[in-house]
Amino acid sequence: MSESGKSSIEDYECGCEPMKQLLDILLKSPGVFGARFSGAGFRGCCIALVDEEQAEEAMHYVLESYRQVQPVLSRQLENETAVLVCETGGCARLY
């Protein structure tokens, strides 16, 4: 997952600076297994796979770290939806 994210930046020049910074923060976050852009990194979002037991800690780390590198942009975020923690559901099935 992270290699795909890195490739999109290096090989296809995807991502604006704030999104690249967010991706770097995610990759340094506790419990993160991997992260990448969704939406080519030009106003999309980043997604990450995170250890369930460290999801809350990772969420706080991302918010605080992003506020430090992007103080103006981070003031535009809605705190309740700036970072969303989701759980996987069941897989698709044919009956």
C-alpha atoms as a PDB file:
ATOM      1  CA  MET A   1       0.000   0.000   0.000  1.00  0.00           C
ATOM      2  CA  SER A   2       2.742   2.471   0.922  1.00  0.00           C
ATOM      3  CA  GLU A   3       4.819   1.566  -2.109  1.00  0.00           C
ATOM      4  CA  SER A   4       1.837   2.325  -4.316  1.00  0.00           C
ATOM      5  CA  GLY A   5       1.481   5.712  -2.624  1.00  0.00           C
ATOM      6  CA  LYS A   6       5.172   6.434  -3.048  1.00  0.00           C
ATOM      7  CA  SER A   7       5.008   5.402  -6.708  1.00  0.00           C
ATOM      8  CA  SER A   8       2.122   7.767  -7.414  1.00  0.00           C
ATOM      9  CA  ILE A   9       4.261  10.662  -6.150  1.00  0.00           C
ATOM     10  CA  GLU A  10       7.574   9.680  -7.742  1.00  0.00           C
ATOM     11  CA  ASP A  11       6.423   8.117 -11.022  1.00  0.00           C
ATOM     12  CA  TYR A  12       3.273  10.094 -11.806  1.00  0.00           C
ATOM     13  CA  GLU A  13       3.881  13.367  -9.929  1.00  0.00           C
ATOM     14  CA  CYS A  14       0.613  13.048  -8.037  1.00  0.00           C
ATOM     15  CA  GLY A  15      -0.124  14.960  -4.892  1.00  0.00           C
ATOM     16  CA  CYS A  16       0.022  18.537  -3.721  1.00  0.00           C
ATOM     17  CA  GLU A  17       2.338  19.536  -0.876  1.00  0.00           C
ATOM     18  CA  PRO A  18      -0.293  19.420   1.909  1.00  0.00           C
ATOM     19  CA  MET A  19      -1.322  15.911   0.844  1.00  0.00           C
ATOM     20  CA  LYS A  20       2.291  14.755   0.665  1.00  0.00           C
ATOM     21  CA  GLN A  21       2.813  16.114   4.171  1.00  0.00           C
ATOM     22  CA  LEU A  22      -0.288  14.277   5.384  1.00  0.00           C
ATOM     23  CA  LEU A  23       0.947  11.057   3.819  1.00  0.00           C
ATOM     24  CA  ASP A  24       4.335  11.448   5.531  1.00  0.00           C
ATOM     25  CA  ILE A  25       2.602  12.025   8.859  1.00  0.00           C
ATOM     26  CA  LEU A  26       0.429   8.946   8.397  1.00  0.00           C
ATOM     27  CA  LEU A  27       3.445   6.787   7.630  1.00  0.00           C
ATOM     28  CA  LYS A  28       5.075   7.925  10.905  1.00  0.00           C
ATOM     29  CA  SER A  29       1.918   7.399  12.960  1.00  0.00           C
ATOM     30  CA  PRO A  30       1.775   4.687  15.618  1.00  0.00           C
ATOM     31  CA  GLY A  31       0.232   1.448  14.432  1.00  0.00           C
ATOM     32  CA  VAL A  32       0.081   2.341  10.736  1.00  0.00           C
ATOM     33  CA  PHE A  33       0.796  -0.605   8.449  1.00  0.00           C
ATOM     34  CA  GLY A  34       0.583   1.423   5.240  1.00  0.00           C
ATOM     35  CA  ALA A  35      -0.948   4.532   3.687  1.00  0.00           C
ATOM     36  CA  ARG A  36      -1.636   6.095   0.277  1.00  0.00           C
ATOM     37  CA  PHE A  37      -3.618   8.780  -1.522  1.00  0.00           C
ATOM     38  CA  SER A  38      -7.149   8.298  -2.657  1.00  0.00           C
ATOM     39  CA  GLY A  39      -8.158  10.636  -5.474  1.00  0.00           C
ATOM     40  CA  ALA A  40      -4.618  11.262  -6.839  1.00  0.00           C
ATOM     41  CA  GLY A  41      -3.703  13.503  -3.911  1.00  0.00           C
ATOM     42  CA  PHE A  42      -4.885  16.803  -5.347  1.00  0.00           C
ATOM     43  CA  ARG A  43      -7.840  17.474  -3.002  1.00  0.00           C
ATOM     44  CA  GLY A  44      -8.733  13.914  -2.271  1.00  0.00           C
ATOM     45  CA  CYS A  45      -7.817  12.165   0.932  1.00  0.00           C
ATOM     46  CA  CYS A  46      -5.350   9.696   2.369  1.00  0.00           C
ATOM     47  CA  ILE A  47      -6.236   6.271   3.648  1.00  0.00           C
ATOM     48  CA  ALA A  48      -4.241   4.103   6.014  1.00  0.00           C
ATOM     49  CA  LEU A  49      -4.415   0.615   7.448  1.00  0.00           C
ATOM     50  CA  VAL A  50      -3.931   0.896  11.201  1.00  0.00           C
ATOM     51  CA  ASP A  51      -3.646  -1.574  14.045  1.00  0.00           C
ATOM     52  CA  GLU A  52      -7.049  -1.516  15.733  1.00  0.00           C
ATOM     53  CA  GLU A  53      -5.492  -1.161  19.174  1.00  0.00           C
ATOM     54  CA  GLN A  54      -3.583   1.965  18.121  1.00  0.00           C
ATOM     55  CA  ALA A  55      -6.239   3.672  15.977  1.00  0.00           C
ATOM     56  CA  GLU A  56      -7.129   6.292  18.584  1.00  0.00           C
ATOM     57  CA  GLU A  57      -3.475   7.131  19.233  1.00  0.00           C
ATOM     58  CA  ALA A  58      -2.784   7.355  15.490  1.00  0.00           C
ATOM     59  CA  MET A  59      -5.786   9.651  15.010  1.00  0.00           C
ATOM     60  CA  HIS A  60      -4.519  12.111  17.624  1.00  0.00           C
ATOM     61  CA  TYR A  61      -0.987  11.950  16.252  1.00  0.00           C
ATOM     62  CA  VAL A  62      -2.200  12.771  12.723  1.00  0.00           C
ATOM     63  CA  LEU A  63      -4.344  15.694  13.866  1.00  0.00           C
ATOM     64  CA  GLU A  64      -1.651  17.262  16.023  1.00  0.00           C
ATOM     65  CA  SER A  65       1.148  16.718  13.513  1.00  0.00           C
ATOM     66  CA  TYR A  66      -0.879  18.105  10.614  1.00  0.00           C
ATOM     67  CA  ARG A  67      -1.779  21.187  12.661  1.00  0.00           C
ATOM     68  CA  GLN A  68       1.937  21.836  13.117  1.00  0.00           C
ATOM     69  CA  VAL A  69       2.870  21.606   9.412  1.00  0.00           C
ATOM     70  CA  GLN A  70      -0.324  23.147   7.990  1.00  0.00           C
ATOM     71  CA  PRO A  71      -1.731  25.565  10.600  1.00  0.00           C
ATOM     72  CA  VAL A  72      -3.865  27.537   8.127  1.00  0.00           C
ATOM     73  CA  LEU A  73      -5.371  24.523   6.351  1.00  0.00           C
ATOM     74  CA  SER A  74      -5.924  22.603   9.563  1.00  0.00           C
ATOM     75  CA  ARG A  75      -8.109  25.426  10.918  1.00  0.00           C
ATOM     76  CA  GLN A  76     -10.519  24.682   8.063  1.00  0.00           C
ATOM     77  CA  LEU A  77     -11.006  21.076   9.176  1.00  0.00           C
ATOM     78  CA  GLU A  78     -14.039  19.978  11.104  1.00  0.00           C
ATOM     79  CA  ASN A  79     -12.673  18.168  14.145  1.00  0.00           C
ATOM     80  CA  GLU A  80     -15.386  15.487  14.112  1.00  0.00           C
ATOM     81  CA  THR A  81     -14.677  14.449  10.510  1.00  0.00           C
ATOM     82  CA  ALA A  82     -11.023  15.397   9.974  1.00  0.00           C
ATOM     83  CA  VAL A  83      -9.943  11.831  10.733  1.00  0.00           C
ATOM     84  CA  LEU A  84     -12.373   8.963  10.380  1.00  0.00           C
ATOM     85  CA  VAL A  85     -11.711   5.589  11.964  1.00  0.00           C
ATOM     86  CA  CYS A  86     -13.582   2.803  10.196  1.00  0.00           C
ATOM     87  CA  GLU A  87     -13.817  -0.920  10.655  1.00  0.00           C
ATOM     88  CA  THR A  88     -13.845  -3.463   7.900  1.00  0.00           C
ATOM     89  CA  GLY A  89     -17.103  -5.194   7.120  1.00  0.00           C
ATOM     90  CA  GLY A  90     -17.894  -8.562   5.718  1.00  0.00           C
ATOM     91  CA  CYS A  91     -16.744  -9.329   2.213  1.00  0.00           C
ATOM     92  CA  ALA A  92     -18.939  -9.431  -0.869  1.00  0.00           C
ATOM     93  CA  ARG A  93     -20.701 -12.733  -1.339  1.00  0.00           C
ATOM     94  CA  LEU A  94     -22.700 -14.477  -4.026  1.00  0.00           C
ATOM     95  CA  TYR A  95     -25.487 -16.759  -2.915  1.00  0.00           C
END
